[in-house]
N, C-alpha and C. Protein backbone atom coordinates (compact mmCIF):
# COMPACT_ATOMS: atom_id res chain seq x y z
N LEU A 1 20.49 -56.63 83.61
CA LEU A 1 20.79 -55.51 83.47
C LEU A 1 20.22 -54.90 82.17
N ASN A 2 19.48 -53.57 82.16
CA ASN A 2 19.78 -53.42 80.51
C ASN A 2 20.28 -51.81 80.45
N ARG A 3 20.52 -52.38 79.44
CA ARG A 3 21.43 -50.98 79.04
C ARG A 3 21.34 -50.02 78.01
N GLU A 4 21.49 -48.93 77.64
CA GLU A 4 20.14 -48.06 76.60
C GLU A 4 21.05 -46.64 76.44
N VAL A 5 21.83 -46.96 75.09
CA VAL A 5 22.62 -45.56 74.71
C VAL A 5 21.30 -44.90 74.16
N ILE A 6 21.74 -43.17 74.80
CA ILE A 6 21.07 -42.03 74.60
C ILE A 6 22.06 -41.27 73.73
N SER A 7 21.43 -40.99 72.08
CA SER A 7 22.81 -40.20 71.34
C SER A 7 22.85 -39.33 71.46
N ASP A 8 21.31 -38.77 71.08
CA ASP A 8 21.47 -37.10 72.14
C ASP A 8 20.80 -37.00 73.52
N TYR A 9 22.45 -36.53 74.12
CA TYR A 9 21.64 -36.12 75.18
C TYR A 9 22.21 -35.33 75.13
N HIS A 10 21.69 -34.13 76.12
CA HIS A 10 22.27 -32.53 76.78
C HIS A 10 22.80 -32.02 77.98
N CYS A 11 24.26 -32.41 78.20
CA CYS A 11 24.29 -32.01 79.72
C CYS A 11 23.96 -31.04 80.22
N ASP A 12 23.20 -30.72 80.99
CA ASP A 12 22.72 -28.89 82.17
C ASP A 12 23.73 -29.00 82.25
N GLU A 13 25.32 -29.78 82.63
CA GLU A 13 26.12 -28.95 83.90
C GLU A 13 27.05 -28.03 82.68
N CYS A 14 27.64 -29.06 81.54
CA CYS A 14 28.50 -28.34 80.90
C CYS A 14 28.08 -27.72 80.05
N LYS A 15 27.01 -27.95 79.45
CA LYS A 15 26.21 -27.34 78.38
C LYS A 15 27.04 -28.44 77.22
N ALA A 16 27.43 -29.41 76.72
CA ALA A 16 27.42 -30.67 75.83
C ALA A 16 25.99 -31.11 74.96
N ASP A 17 26.30 -31.12 74.06
CA ASP A 17 25.06 -32.15 73.66
C ASP A 17 26.68 -33.78 73.63
N THR A 18 26.22 -34.86 74.13
CA THR A 18 27.11 -35.49 73.64
C THR A 18 25.83 -37.23 73.92
N SER A 19 26.64 -38.00 74.40
CA SER A 19 26.10 -39.32 74.25
C SER A 19 26.47 -39.73 75.19
N CYS A 20 25.41 -40.85 76.61
CA CYS A 20 25.63 -41.12 77.85
C CYS A 20 24.89 -42.86 77.57
N THR A 21 25.17 -43.68 78.57
CA THR A 21 24.27 -44.65 78.33
C THR A 21 24.23 -45.15 80.13
N ARG A 22 22.37 -45.42 79.59
CA ARG A 22 21.97 -45.88 81.13
C ARG A 22 21.68 -47.29 80.98
N THR A 23 21.73 -47.46 82.26
CA THR A 23 21.75 -48.64 83.15
C THR A 23 20.85 -49.05 84.21
N THR A 24 19.19 -49.27 83.62
CA THR A 24 18.33 -50.12 84.29
C THR A 24 18.23 -51.81 84.69
N GLU A 25 18.53 -51.82 86.09
CA GLU A 25 18.55 -52.83 86.73
C GLU A 25 17.15 -53.69 87.41
N ILE A 26 17.13 -54.46 86.75
CA ILE A 26 15.32 -55.26 87.51
C ILE A 26 15.26 -55.56 88.45
N VAL A 27 14.56 -55.20 89.79
CA VAL A 27 14.75 -55.96 91.13
C VAL A 27 13.87 -56.98 90.68
N SER A 28 13.84 -58.23 91.05
CA SER A 28 12.01 -58.64 90.86
C SER A 28 11.59 -58.83 92.02
N SER A 29 12.28 -59.23 93.22
CA SER A 29 12.03 -58.98 94.17
C SER A 29 12.52 -57.90 95.41
N LEU A 30 11.58 -57.47 96.53
CA LEU A 30 12.61 -56.71 97.05
C LEU A 30 12.57 -57.21 98.58
N PRO A 31 13.80 -56.41 99.50
CA PRO A 31 14.35 -57.15 100.60
C PRO A 31 13.41 -56.67 101.64
N SER A 32 13.00 -57.52 102.98
CA SER A 32 12.29 -57.57 103.67
C SER A 32 12.28 -56.32 104.70
N CYS A 33 13.86 -56.05 104.70
CA CYS A 33 14.23 -54.47 105.35
C CYS A 33 15.14 -54.39 104.66
N LEU A 34 14.49 -52.29 104.23
CA LEU A 34 14.81 -51.54 103.71
C LEU A 34 16.04 -50.50 104.17
N ILE A 35 17.16 -49.94 103.94
CA ILE A 35 18.45 -48.80 104.90
C ILE A 35 18.38 -48.59 103.98
N VAL A 36 18.15 -46.78 104.28
CA VAL A 36 18.64 -45.85 103.57
C VAL A 36 19.57 -45.65 104.07
N HIS A 37 20.81 -44.86 103.47
CA HIS A 37 21.30 -43.99 104.42
C HIS A 37 21.77 -42.60 103.85
N VAL A 38 21.59 -41.49 104.45
CA VAL A 38 21.92 -40.07 104.37
C VAL A 38 23.02 -39.48 104.28
N TRP A 39 23.59 -39.38 103.17
CA TRP A 39 24.75 -39.10 102.91
C TRP A 39 25.46 -37.62 104.07
N ARG A 40 25.96 -37.24 104.75
CA ARG A 40 26.19 -36.30 105.37
C ARG A 40 27.38 -35.54 105.13
N ASP A 41 28.23 -36.58 104.46
CA ASP A 41 29.88 -35.68 105.03
C ASP A 41 29.77 -34.59 103.08
N MET A 42 30.16 -33.82 103.37
CA MET A 42 30.77 -32.19 102.33
C MET A 42 31.62 -32.97 101.42
N TYR A 43 31.24 -33.28 99.99
CA TYR A 43 32.85 -33.61 99.84
C TYR A 43 33.35 -34.00 100.19
N PHE A 44 33.62 -35.48 101.31
CA PHE A 44 34.83 -35.89 101.45
C PHE A 44 35.91 -34.58 102.60
N THR A 45 35.09 -33.87 103.18
CA THR A 45 35.67 -33.41 103.77
C THR A 45 35.90 -33.31 104.88
N GLY A 46 34.70 -34.15 105.82
CA GLY A 46 34.29 -34.60 107.73
C GLY A 46 33.20 -33.91 107.99
N ILE A 47 33.43 -32.43 106.87
CA ILE A 47 31.88 -31.17 107.31
C ILE A 47 30.59 -32.01 107.54
N LYS A 48 29.72 -31.57 108.36
CA LYS A 48 28.74 -32.45 108.46
C LYS A 48 27.59 -31.78 108.38
N ASP A 49 26.72 -31.98 106.82
CA ASP A 49 25.90 -31.21 105.98
C ASP A 49 24.62 -31.68 107.14
N THR A 50 24.01 -30.39 107.10
CA THR A 50 22.91 -30.68 107.98
C THR A 50 21.30 -29.97 107.95
N THR A 51 21.89 -30.26 106.57
CA THR A 51 20.66 -29.49 105.02
C THR A 51 19.25 -31.09 105.74
N TYR A 52 18.55 -30.07 106.32
CA TYR A 52 16.60 -31.30 106.44
C TYR A 52 16.45 -31.92 105.17
N VAL A 53 16.41 -33.85 105.44
CA VAL A 53 15.90 -34.81 104.48
C VAL A 53 14.49 -34.76 105.07
N SER A 54 13.65 -34.63 104.11
CA SER A 54 12.05 -35.25 104.81
C SER A 54 11.60 -36.24 104.67
N PHE A 55 11.52 -37.50 105.47
CA PHE A 55 11.15 -38.87 105.12
C PHE A 55 10.04 -39.43 105.19
N ASP A 56 9.72 -40.00 104.89
CA ASP A 56 7.97 -40.93 104.70
C ASP A 56 8.01 -41.82 105.76
N ARG A 57 6.70 -41.79 106.65
CA ARG A 57 6.24 -42.99 107.70
C ARG A 57 6.25 -44.26 106.74
N TYR A 58 5.27 -44.20 105.87
CA TYR A 58 5.26 -44.62 104.06
C TYR A 58 5.46 -44.58 103.40
N LEU A 59 6.48 -45.57 102.31
CA LEU A 59 6.67 -45.76 101.18
C LEU A 59 5.89 -46.53 100.15
N ASN A 60 5.04 -46.08 99.33
CA ASN A 60 4.04 -46.63 98.41
C ASN A 60 4.69 -46.55 96.80
N THR A 61 5.89 -46.63 96.97
CA THR A 61 6.01 -45.70 95.20
C THR A 61 6.71 -47.31 94.84
N PHE A 62 6.94 -49.16 95.09
CA PHE A 62 7.82 -49.83 94.48
C PHE A 62 6.41 -50.56 93.91
N GLU A 63 7.70 -50.67 92.56
CA GLU A 63 6.17 -52.26 91.96
C GLU A 63 6.98 -52.90 91.66
N THR A 64 6.58 -55.00 91.31
CA THR A 64 7.42 -55.80 91.92
C THR A 64 5.86 -56.57 90.28
N PRO A 65 6.66 -57.53 89.51
CA PRO A 65 6.05 -58.34 89.16
C PRO A 65 4.91 -58.88 89.99
N ASP A 66 4.56 -58.70 90.99
CA ASP A 66 3.71 -59.08 91.70
C ASP A 66 2.69 -58.17 92.39
N GLY A 67 3.17 -56.84 92.05
CA GLY A 67 2.37 -55.62 92.45
C GLY A 67 3.20 -54.86 93.42
N ARG A 68 2.24 -53.42 93.74
CA ARG A 68 2.43 -52.89 94.72
C ARG A 68 2.86 -53.89 96.01
N GLN A 69 4.31 -52.90 96.54
CA GLN A 69 5.04 -53.12 98.15
C GLN A 69 4.88 -51.76 98.47
N ARG A 70 4.88 -52.45 99.71
CA ARG A 70 4.92 -50.89 100.89
C ARG A 70 5.82 -50.98 101.75
N TYR A 71 6.37 -50.12 102.29
CA TYR A 71 7.22 -50.25 103.31
C TYR A 71 6.89 -48.88 104.60
N HIS A 72 7.03 -49.36 105.44
CA HIS A 72 6.27 -48.79 107.27
C HIS A 72 8.25 -47.95 107.58
N LEU A 73 7.87 -46.99 108.15
CA LEU A 73 9.44 -46.52 108.63
C LEU A 73 9.30 -47.00 110.34
N THR A 74 10.62 -47.86 111.20
CA THR A 74 10.59 -48.47 111.81
C THR A 74 11.76 -47.81 113.09
N GLY A 75 12.67 -47.44 111.91
CA GLY A 75 13.85 -46.90 112.91
C GLY A 75 15.18 -46.17 112.20
N VAL A 76 15.16 -44.78 113.22
CA VAL A 76 15.99 -43.26 112.30
C VAL A 76 17.17 -43.26 113.31
N VAL A 77 18.34 -42.98 112.58
CA VAL A 77 19.27 -42.83 113.35
C VAL A 77 20.25 -41.46 113.53
N GLU A 78 20.16 -40.85 114.08
CA GLU A 78 20.71 -39.16 113.97
C GLU A 78 21.57 -39.17 114.32
N HIS A 79 22.49 -38.34 113.97
CA HIS A 79 24.14 -38.08 114.31
C HIS A 79 24.08 -36.71 115.02
N LEU A 80 24.29 -36.45 116.59
CA LEU A 80 24.48 -35.07 117.02
C LEU A 80 25.68 -34.36 117.09
N GLY A 81 25.92 -33.68 116.71
CA GLY A 81 27.01 -32.71 116.57
C GLY A 81 27.79 -32.47 115.18
N TYR A 82 29.37 -31.37 115.54
CA TYR A 82 28.95 -30.33 114.13
C TYR A 82 30.04 -31.15 112.81
N SER A 83 30.74 -32.13 113.56
CA SER A 83 32.08 -32.18 112.58
C SER A 83 31.63 -34.51 112.29
N LEU A 84 31.62 -34.74 111.07
CA LEU A 84 31.57 -36.49 111.30
C LEU A 84 32.75 -37.27 112.10
N ASN A 85 33.81 -36.07 112.59
CA ASN A 85 34.81 -36.49 113.08
C ASN A 85 34.39 -37.25 114.89
N SER A 86 33.57 -36.79 115.50
CA SER A 86 33.60 -36.26 116.75
C SER A 86 31.68 -36.56 116.77
N GLY A 87 30.84 -36.49 117.88
CA GLY A 87 29.35 -36.93 118.06
C GLY A 87 29.04 -37.89 118.51
N HIS A 88 28.23 -38.09 118.49
CA HIS A 88 27.02 -38.82 119.40
C HIS A 88 26.12 -39.80 118.31
N TYR A 89 25.63 -40.53 118.25
CA TYR A 89 24.53 -41.13 117.48
C TYR A 89 23.41 -41.48 118.58
N VAL A 90 22.23 -41.69 118.16
CA VAL A 90 20.94 -41.81 118.61
C VAL A 90 20.18 -42.52 117.92
N ALA A 91 18.91 -43.11 118.45
CA ALA A 91 17.79 -43.65 117.92
C ALA A 91 16.78 -43.42 117.95
N TYR A 92 16.04 -43.56 117.54
CA TYR A 92 14.61 -43.91 117.67
C TYR A 92 13.25 -44.55 116.22
N VAL A 93 12.93 -44.89 118.21
CA VAL A 93 12.79 -46.81 116.93
C VAL A 93 11.31 -46.69 117.84
N ALA A 94 10.67 -47.51 116.72
CA ALA A 94 8.75 -47.92 116.82
C ALA A 94 8.73 -49.76 117.04
N ARG A 95 7.42 -49.40 117.97
CA ARG A 95 7.13 -50.48 118.37
C ARG A 95 5.80 -50.74 117.82
N ASP A 96 5.41 -51.89 117.15
CA ASP A 96 4.31 -51.99 116.52
C ASP A 96 2.99 -52.52 117.48
N ASP A 97 4.16 -53.31 118.51
CA ASP A 97 3.16 -53.57 119.76
C ASP A 97 3.00 -52.86 121.10
N GLU A 98 2.45 -51.58 120.60
CA GLU A 98 2.67 -50.36 121.62
C GLU A 98 1.71 -49.59 120.53
N GLU A 99 0.18 -49.01 121.31
CA GLU A 99 0.16 -47.69 120.61
C GLU A 99 0.22 -46.57 120.91
N GLY A 100 0.92 -45.69 119.77
CA GLY A 100 1.10 -44.38 120.41
C GLY A 100 -0.18 -43.18 120.62
N PRO A 101 0.13 -41.70 120.81
CA PRO A 101 -1.09 -40.96 121.25
C PRO A 101 -1.05 -40.99 120.22
N ASP A 102 -0.63 -41.02 118.57
CA ASP A 102 -1.61 -40.63 117.19
C ASP A 102 -2.79 -41.76 117.21
N GLY A 103 -2.87 -42.98 117.53
CA GLY A 103 -3.50 -44.13 117.04
C GLY A 103 -1.99 -44.97 116.14
N HIS A 104 -1.08 -44.59 116.01
CA HIS A 104 0.12 -45.65 114.98
C HIS A 104 0.66 -46.10 116.27
N GLU A 105 1.67 -47.04 115.58
CA GLU A 105 2.74 -47.32 116.81
C GLU A 105 3.47 -46.11 117.56
N GLN A 106 4.13 -46.85 118.73
CA GLN A 106 4.63 -45.39 120.43
C GLN A 106 6.22 -45.61 119.36
N TRP A 107 6.97 -44.93 119.83
CA TRP A 107 7.82 -44.38 119.05
C TRP A 107 9.48 -44.00 120.46
N TYR A 108 9.91 -44.84 120.58
CA TYR A 108 11.09 -44.09 121.65
C TYR A 108 12.46 -43.92 121.05
N PHE A 109 12.77 -42.85 121.93
CA PHE A 109 14.26 -41.99 121.57
C PHE A 109 15.17 -43.46 122.50
N CYS A 110 16.93 -43.21 122.11
CA CYS A 110 17.04 -44.31 122.67
C CYS A 110 18.55 -43.76 122.62
N SER A 111 19.21 -43.09 123.84
CA SER A 111 20.87 -42.70 123.82
C SER A 111 21.57 -43.50 125.14
N ASP A 112 22.32 -44.29 124.65
CA ASP A 112 22.51 -45.38 125.33
C ASP A 112 21.82 -45.51 126.56
N SER A 113 21.67 -45.42 127.72
CA SER A 113 20.95 -46.06 128.63
C SER A 113 19.52 -45.69 128.97
N VAL A 114 19.13 -43.97 128.46
CA VAL A 114 18.07 -43.77 128.20
C VAL A 114 16.91 -43.92 127.06
N VAL A 115 15.99 -44.21 127.30
CA VAL A 115 15.19 -44.77 126.60
C VAL A 115 13.64 -43.75 126.88
N GLU A 116 13.20 -42.92 126.38
CA GLU A 116 12.41 -42.37 126.27
C GLU A 116 10.86 -41.89 125.28
N PRO A 117 9.35 -42.27 125.52
CA PRO A 117 8.19 -42.11 124.56
C PRO A 117 8.70 -40.55 123.56
N ILE A 118 8.36 -41.12 122.66
CA ILE A 118 8.24 -39.83 121.63
C ILE A 118 7.48 -39.93 120.28
N SER A 119 6.92 -38.23 120.56
CA SER A 119 6.23 -38.71 119.38
C SER A 119 6.50 -38.78 117.42
N TYR A 120 5.86 -39.38 116.60
CA TYR A 120 6.42 -39.89 115.53
C TYR A 120 6.73 -37.72 114.88
N GLU A 121 5.09 -37.36 115.41
CA GLU A 121 6.19 -35.44 114.98
C GLU A 121 7.28 -35.39 115.48
N GLU A 122 7.54 -35.54 116.00
CA GLU A 122 8.77 -34.95 116.73
C GLU A 122 10.16 -35.84 116.35
N VAL A 123 9.69 -37.14 115.42
CA VAL A 123 10.73 -37.74 115.02
C VAL A 123 10.99 -37.13 113.88
N ALA A 124 9.98 -36.62 113.46
CA ALA A 124 10.33 -36.44 111.13
C ALA A 124 10.44 -35.17 111.59
N THR A 125 11.12 -34.32 112.62
CA THR A 125 12.18 -33.17 111.92
C THR A 125 13.80 -33.50 112.52
N LYS A 126 13.71 -34.27 112.84
CA LYS A 126 15.16 -34.84 112.92
C LYS A 126 16.09 -34.88 111.84
N ASN A 127 17.26 -34.78 111.70
CA ASN A 127 17.87 -35.10 110.91
C ASN A 127 18.33 -36.34 110.66
N ALA A 128 17.87 -37.24 110.02
CA ALA A 128 18.23 -38.08 109.87
C ALA A 128 19.66 -38.96 109.12
N TYR A 129 20.23 -40.11 109.78
CA TYR A 129 21.24 -40.33 109.03
C TYR A 129 20.96 -41.37 108.74
N MET A 130 20.34 -42.18 109.21
CA MET A 130 20.01 -44.04 108.22
C MET A 130 18.19 -43.66 109.09
N LEU A 131 18.11 -44.20 107.23
CA LEU A 131 16.48 -44.97 107.79
C LEU A 131 16.11 -46.27 108.07
N PHE A 132 15.61 -46.76 108.53
CA PHE A 132 14.65 -48.74 108.00
C PHE A 132 13.68 -48.41 108.03
N TYR A 133 13.32 -49.14 107.01
CA TYR A 133 12.11 -49.51 106.58
C TYR A 133 11.77 -51.00 106.54
N VAL A 134 10.65 -51.64 106.63
CA VAL A 134 10.63 -52.58 106.99
C VAL A 134 9.13 -53.23 106.14
N ARG A 135 8.83 -54.23 105.19
CA ARG A 135 8.05 -54.49 104.34
C ARG A 135 6.89 -55.05 104.42
N MET A 136 6.01 -54.06 104.26
CA MET A 136 4.34 -54.93 104.72
C MET A 136 4.56 -55.75 103.61
N ASP A 137 4.13 -56.88 104.68
CA ASP A 137 3.42 -58.23 103.28
C ASP A 137 1.86 -58.49 103.15
């Protein structure tokens, strides 16, 4: 961990001039699977935040001592329902060993016993609750 004291920090929220500490953690290697949880609870009320959050098919933003690391999206979980206390979870899963109509991997919609092909373009419109990325070595 690297800690840096910033003595001339101006808080835009409270308009105060203050000091703060910025902590940076250096990660020497990245995980083979990166899971992103999109927080959907509005201020711990149980009310679901339905704001659309865009997500990328590929992530190229990670630098390590070994060079740039890339990840590709392999799964999306979506919560259907208006409250976090009820509803239904569905998954969208990519199969690398099958080619879809866009020339990339084939995606599938999965809900209980229903499994149907779906396009990535359709998946990209969903309100993601969890995103699953796999490192491309």
